[in-house]
Amino acid sequence: MSEIPPCPNCKSPYAYPSDSLLMCPECGHEWNEEESVDDTTLIKDSNGNTLQDGDSVIVIKDLPVKGAPKPIKAGTKVKNIRLTDGDHNIDCKIDGFGSMALKSEFVKKT
C-alpha cells in the first residue's frame, strides 16, 4: 500500500482515501494525489529560486522598519525562514530586530 501524503492545506498526517480523492478529517480539504503542485503555491525569491521552510536568505536592499530607528541593511543574512500565506510571505527572526515578516521579492536564497 502506498504512503498517503499529509494534507497540503493544514499538513495533517491523518489524510485518508475516499474514492479517487484524498480527504483530510481535520480541515475537510479534498485533493487528488495525482495533481501536480501549482506554481502559485510556490514561493520564489528575487532570482526565481524556490524557497522552502528552513532556508537561509540574504536581504537584497535596505528595508525600512516601521517604528525602528534604522532599516534592515542590504546583505543581512536571515537563517531558518518559515513560509506563510499573504503579502509578507516569510516569517523570520533577524538579529537586532526580532521577529519580522518579509516579502520574498526582497531576498535571495543563499
N, C-alpha and C. Protein backbone atom coordinates (compact mmCIF):
# COMPACT_ATOMS: atom_id res chain seq x y z
N MET A 1 0.84 -1.18 0.00
CA MET A 1 0.00 0.00 0.00
C MET A 1 0.88 1.24 0.00
N SER A 2 0.49 2.25 -0.79
CA SER A 2 1.33 3.43 -0.91
C SER A 2 1.17 4.34 0.31
N GLU A 3 2.17 5.12 0.56
CA GLU A 3 2.18 6.09 1.67
C GLU A 3 1.24 7.24 1.32
N ILE A 4 0.34 7.59 2.22
CA ILE A 4 -0.59 8.70 1.98
C ILE A 4 0.07 9.99 2.46
N PRO A 5 0.18 10.99 1.57
CA PRO A 5 0.85 12.24 1.95
C PRO A 5 -0.02 13.04 2.92
N PRO A 6 0.62 13.94 3.70
CA PRO A 6 -0.17 14.79 4.60
C PRO A 6 -1.01 15.79 3.80
N CYS A 7 -1.99 16.35 4.45
CA CYS A 7 -2.89 17.32 3.81
C CYS A 7 -2.08 18.54 3.36
N PRO A 8 -2.21 18.97 2.10
CA PRO A 8 -1.47 20.15 1.63
C PRO A 8 -2.02 21.45 2.21
N ASN A 9 -3.22 21.39 2.76
CA ASN A 9 -3.84 22.60 3.31
C ASN A 9 -3.41 22.86 4.75
N CYS A 10 -3.52 21.84 5.61
CA CYS A 10 -3.22 22.04 7.04
C CYS A 10 -2.07 21.16 7.54
N LYS A 11 -1.48 20.34 6.67
CA LYS A 11 -0.35 19.45 6.99
C LYS A 11 -0.71 18.33 7.97
N SER A 12 -1.99 18.01 8.10
CA SER A 12 -2.42 16.93 8.98
C SER A 12 -1.94 15.58 8.44
N PRO A 13 -1.40 14.72 9.29
CA PRO A 13 -0.94 13.40 8.84
C PRO A 13 -2.07 12.37 8.76
N TYR A 14 -3.31 12.77 9.07
CA TYR A 14 -4.43 11.83 9.16
C TYR A 14 -5.28 11.75 7.91
N ALA A 15 -4.75 12.12 6.75
CA ALA A 15 -5.50 12.05 5.49
C ALA A 15 -5.84 10.60 5.17
N TYR A 16 -6.96 10.42 4.48
CA TYR A 16 -7.39 9.07 4.11
C TYR A 16 -7.99 9.09 2.71
N PRO A 17 -7.94 7.94 2.00
CA PRO A 17 -8.51 7.89 0.65
C PRO A 17 -10.04 7.77 0.70
N SER A 18 -10.69 8.43 -0.26
CA SER A 18 -12.13 8.34 -0.43
C SER A 18 -12.41 8.39 -1.92
N ASP A 19 -12.79 7.26 -2.51
CA ASP A 19 -12.95 7.10 -3.95
C ASP A 19 -11.63 7.47 -4.63
N SER A 20 -11.64 8.44 -5.53
CA SER A 20 -10.42 8.80 -6.24
C SER A 20 -9.71 9.99 -5.60
N LEU A 21 -10.25 10.51 -4.50
CA LEU A 21 -9.67 11.68 -3.83
C LEU A 21 -9.09 11.29 -2.48
N LEU A 22 -8.28 12.18 -1.94
CA LEU A 22 -7.81 12.05 -0.56
C LEU A 22 -8.55 13.09 0.26
N MET A 23 -8.88 12.76 1.49
CA MET A 23 -9.66 13.64 2.37
C MET A 23 -8.87 13.92 3.64
N CYS A 24 -9.08 15.11 4.19
CA CYS A 24 -8.48 15.47 5.48
C CYS A 24 -9.61 15.58 6.51
N PRO A 25 -9.54 14.79 7.59
CA PRO A 25 -10.60 14.85 8.59
C PRO A 25 -10.53 16.11 9.46
N GLU A 26 -9.39 16.78 9.50
CA GLU A 26 -9.24 17.95 10.37
C GLU A 26 -9.75 19.23 9.74
N CYS A 27 -9.45 19.46 8.45
CA CYS A 27 -9.87 20.72 7.82
C CYS A 27 -10.91 20.51 6.73
N GLY A 28 -11.18 19.26 6.34
CA GLY A 28 -12.19 18.97 5.34
C GLY A 28 -11.71 19.15 3.91
N HIS A 29 -10.42 19.38 3.71
CA HIS A 29 -9.87 19.59 2.37
C HIS A 29 -9.89 18.27 1.58
N GLU A 30 -10.26 18.35 0.30
CA GLU A 30 -10.22 17.20 -0.60
C GLU A 30 -9.24 17.51 -1.73
N TRP A 31 -8.43 16.56 -2.13
CA TRP A 31 -7.49 16.77 -3.22
C TRP A 31 -7.19 15.47 -3.93
N ASN A 32 -6.70 15.60 -5.15
CA ASN A 32 -6.32 14.46 -5.96
C ASN A 32 -4.81 14.31 -5.85
N GLU A 33 -4.37 13.15 -5.43
CA GLU A 33 -2.93 12.91 -5.23
C GLU A 33 -2.16 13.00 -6.54
N GLU A 34 -2.83 12.74 -7.67
CA GLU A 34 -2.18 12.74 -8.97
C GLU A 34 -1.86 14.15 -9.48
N GLU A 35 -2.58 15.16 -8.97
CA GLU A 35 -2.34 16.53 -9.45
C GLU A 35 -0.99 17.03 -8.99
N SER A 36 -0.34 17.76 -9.86
CA SER A 36 0.96 18.32 -9.51
C SER A 36 0.77 19.60 -8.71
N VAL A 37 1.84 20.06 -8.08
CA VAL A 37 1.80 21.27 -7.28
C VAL A 37 1.70 22.48 -8.19
N ASP A 38 0.81 23.42 -7.89
CA ASP A 38 0.67 24.64 -8.68
C ASP A 38 1.87 25.54 -8.47
N ASP A 39 2.21 26.31 -9.50
CA ASP A 39 3.27 27.31 -9.34
C ASP A 39 2.81 28.44 -8.43
N THR A 40 1.50 28.61 -8.27
CA THR A 40 1.00 29.68 -7.42
C THR A 40 1.28 29.41 -5.95
N THR A 41 1.45 28.13 -5.57
CA THR A 41 1.72 27.81 -4.17
C THR A 41 3.22 27.88 -3.87
N LEU A 42 4.05 27.93 -4.89
CA LEU A 42 5.49 28.02 -4.68
C LEU A 42 5.87 29.47 -4.40
N ILE A 43 6.74 29.66 -3.43
CA ILE A 43 7.24 30.99 -3.11
C ILE A 43 8.66 31.08 -3.63
N LYS A 44 8.90 32.12 -4.44
CA LYS A 44 10.21 32.28 -5.08
C LYS A 44 10.88 33.55 -4.62
N ASP A 45 12.23 33.52 -4.62
CA ASP A 45 12.99 34.71 -4.24
C ASP A 45 13.12 35.65 -5.43
N SER A 46 13.92 36.69 -5.29
CA SER A 46 14.06 37.69 -6.35
C SER A 46 14.71 37.14 -7.61
N ASN A 47 15.45 36.04 -7.50
CA ASN A 47 16.10 35.43 -8.66
C ASN A 47 15.29 34.28 -9.26
N GLY A 48 14.13 33.97 -8.69
CA GLY A 48 13.29 32.90 -9.21
C GLY A 48 13.56 31.54 -8.60
N ASN A 49 14.41 31.46 -7.58
CA ASN A 49 14.68 30.19 -6.89
C ASN A 49 13.53 29.90 -5.93
N THR A 50 13.10 28.65 -5.86
CA THR A 50 12.02 28.25 -4.97
C THR A 50 12.52 28.20 -3.53
N LEU A 51 11.78 28.83 -2.63
CA LEU A 51 12.14 28.85 -1.21
C LEU A 51 11.37 27.76 -0.47
N GLN A 52 11.98 27.25 0.61
CA GLN A 52 11.36 26.24 1.46
C GLN A 52 11.58 26.63 2.91
N ASP A 53 10.77 26.07 3.80
CA ASP A 53 10.96 26.30 5.23
C ASP A 53 12.37 25.87 5.63
N GLY A 54 13.02 26.67 6.46
CA GLY A 54 14.36 26.34 6.94
C GLY A 54 15.49 26.88 6.09
N ASP A 55 15.19 27.45 4.94
CA ASP A 55 16.24 28.01 4.08
C ASP A 55 16.87 29.24 4.72
N SER A 56 18.04 29.60 4.23
CA SER A 56 18.69 30.85 4.61
C SER A 56 18.63 31.79 3.42
N VAL A 57 18.39 33.06 3.68
CA VAL A 57 18.29 34.06 2.62
C VAL A 57 19.09 35.29 2.99
N ILE A 58 19.35 36.13 1.99
CA ILE A 58 20.04 37.40 2.18
C ILE A 58 19.13 38.51 1.68
N VAL A 59 19.00 39.57 2.47
CA VAL A 59 18.21 40.74 2.08
C VAL A 59 18.97 41.47 0.98
N ILE A 60 18.27 41.85 -0.13
CA ILE A 60 18.97 42.44 -1.28
C ILE A 60 18.92 43.96 -1.32
N LYS A 61 18.09 44.60 -0.47
CA LYS A 61 18.08 46.07 -0.42
C LYS A 61 17.71 46.52 0.98
N ASP A 62 18.06 47.75 1.31
CA ASP A 62 17.71 48.29 2.62
C ASP A 62 16.20 48.32 2.77
N LEU A 63 15.70 47.77 3.88
CA LEU A 63 14.27 47.71 4.12
C LEU A 63 13.92 48.54 5.36
N PRO A 64 13.16 49.63 5.19
CA PRO A 64 12.76 50.42 6.35
C PRO A 64 11.80 49.62 7.23
N VAL A 65 11.94 49.77 8.55
CA VAL A 65 11.09 49.07 9.51
C VAL A 65 10.31 50.11 10.28
N LYS A 66 8.99 50.01 10.21
CA LYS A 66 8.14 50.98 10.89
C LYS A 66 8.39 50.91 12.39
N GLY A 67 8.70 52.04 13.02
CA GLY A 67 8.94 52.10 14.45
C GLY A 67 10.37 51.82 14.86
N ALA A 68 11.23 51.48 13.93
CA ALA A 68 12.64 51.21 14.24
C ALA A 68 13.49 52.40 13.78
N PRO A 69 14.54 52.70 14.52
CA PRO A 69 15.37 53.86 14.15
C PRO A 69 16.24 53.63 12.91
N LYS A 70 16.46 52.40 12.53
CA LYS A 70 17.31 52.12 11.37
C LYS A 70 16.69 51.02 10.52
N PRO A 71 17.04 50.98 9.23
CA PRO A 71 16.48 49.94 8.35
C PRO A 71 17.26 48.63 8.48
N ILE A 72 16.70 47.57 7.92
CA ILE A 72 17.44 46.31 7.78
C ILE A 72 18.33 46.50 6.57
N LYS A 73 19.62 46.38 6.76
CA LYS A 73 20.59 46.67 5.70
C LYS A 73 20.65 45.57 4.65
N ALA A 74 20.94 45.96 3.43
CA ALA A 74 21.16 45.00 2.35
C ALA A 74 22.35 44.13 2.73
N GLY A 75 22.26 42.84 2.46
CA GLY A 75 23.33 41.91 2.80
C GLY A 75 23.12 41.21 4.12
N THR A 76 22.07 41.56 4.86
CA THR A 76 21.77 40.89 6.13
C THR A 76 21.35 39.45 5.86
N LYS A 77 22.00 38.51 6.52
CA LYS A 77 21.67 37.09 6.34
C LYS A 77 20.60 36.69 7.34
N VAL A 78 19.58 36.01 6.84
CA VAL A 78 18.48 35.54 7.68
C VAL A 78 18.44 34.02 7.58
N LYS A 79 18.54 33.34 8.73
CA LYS A 79 18.57 31.88 8.75
C LYS A 79 17.22 31.33 9.19
N ASN A 80 16.94 30.12 8.76
CA ASN A 80 15.78 29.35 9.21
C ASN A 80 14.46 30.09 9.02
N ILE A 81 14.15 30.42 7.77
CA ILE A 81 12.90 31.12 7.47
C ILE A 81 11.71 30.17 7.53
N ARG A 82 10.52 30.74 7.71
CA ARG A 82 9.28 29.98 7.71
C ARG A 82 8.35 30.64 6.70
N LEU A 83 7.81 29.87 5.76
CA LEU A 83 6.95 30.40 4.72
C LEU A 83 5.50 30.46 5.20
N THR A 84 4.81 31.55 4.82
CA THR A 84 3.42 31.74 5.20
C THR A 84 2.64 32.23 3.99
N ASP A 85 1.33 32.27 4.12
CA ASP A 85 0.48 32.84 3.09
C ASP A 85 0.34 34.34 3.36
N GLY A 86 0.04 35.08 2.32
CA GLY A 86 -0.19 36.51 2.49
C GLY A 86 0.82 37.35 1.73
N ASP A 87 0.72 38.65 1.93
CA ASP A 87 1.57 39.59 1.22
C ASP A 87 3.04 39.46 1.66
N HIS A 88 3.28 39.45 2.96
CA HIS A 88 4.61 39.22 3.51
C HIS A 88 4.70 37.73 3.79
N ASN A 89 5.31 36.98 2.87
CA ASN A 89 5.22 35.52 2.92
C ASN A 89 6.40 34.82 3.57
N ILE A 90 7.26 35.54 4.28
CA ILE A 90 8.37 34.93 5.01
C ILE A 90 8.33 35.44 6.45
N ASP A 91 8.28 34.51 7.41
CA ASP A 91 8.43 34.85 8.83
C ASP A 91 9.83 34.44 9.24
N CYS A 92 10.49 35.30 10.02
CA CYS A 92 11.86 35.01 10.42
C CYS A 92 12.22 35.83 11.65
N LYS A 93 13.41 35.56 12.18
CA LYS A 93 13.97 36.36 13.26
C LYS A 93 15.27 36.95 12.75
N ILE A 94 15.41 38.26 12.93
CA ILE A 94 16.62 38.96 12.49
C ILE A 94 17.31 39.52 13.71
N ASP A 95 18.62 39.23 13.84
CA ASP A 95 19.40 39.73 14.97
C ASP A 95 19.31 41.25 15.02
N GLY A 96 19.00 41.78 16.19
CA GLY A 96 18.90 43.22 16.38
C GLY A 96 17.51 43.78 16.09
N PHE A 97 16.62 42.97 15.48
CA PHE A 97 15.26 43.43 15.17
C PHE A 97 14.20 42.53 15.78
N GLY A 98 14.47 41.24 15.90
CA GLY A 98 13.49 40.30 16.43
C GLY A 98 12.68 39.67 15.32
N SER A 99 11.45 39.28 15.64
CA SER A 99 10.58 38.62 14.66
C SER A 99 10.13 39.60 13.59
N MET A 100 10.20 39.16 12.35
CA MET A 100 9.86 40.02 11.21
C MET A 100 9.08 39.22 10.18
N ALA A 101 8.33 39.92 9.35
CA ALA A 101 7.70 39.33 8.18
C ALA A 101 8.29 40.06 6.97
N LEU A 102 8.80 39.30 6.00
CA LEU A 102 9.44 39.87 4.82
C LEU A 102 8.71 39.44 3.56
N LYS A 103 8.86 40.21 2.51
CA LYS A 103 8.36 39.81 1.20
C LYS A 103 9.48 39.06 0.47
N SER A 104 9.12 37.99 -0.20
CA SER A 104 10.12 37.16 -0.87
C SER A 104 10.81 37.90 -2.02
N GLU A 105 10.21 38.93 -2.55
CA GLU A 105 10.82 39.67 -3.67
C GLU A 105 12.04 40.50 -3.23
N PHE A 106 12.26 40.64 -1.92
CA PHE A 106 13.39 41.43 -1.42
C PHE A 106 14.50 40.58 -0.84
N VAL A 107 14.48 39.26 -1.09
CA VAL A 107 15.53 38.37 -0.60
C VAL A 107 16.03 37.47 -1.71
N LYS A 108 17.22 36.92 -1.52
CA LYS A 108 17.74 35.91 -2.43
C LYS A 108 18.23 34.73 -1.59
N LYS A 109 18.07 33.55 -2.14
CA LYS A 109 18.45 32.31 -1.45
C LYS A 109 19.97 32.19 -1.42
N THR A 110 20.50 31.70 -0.29
CA THR A 110 21.96 31.50 -0.20
C THR A 110 22.33 30.08 -0.52
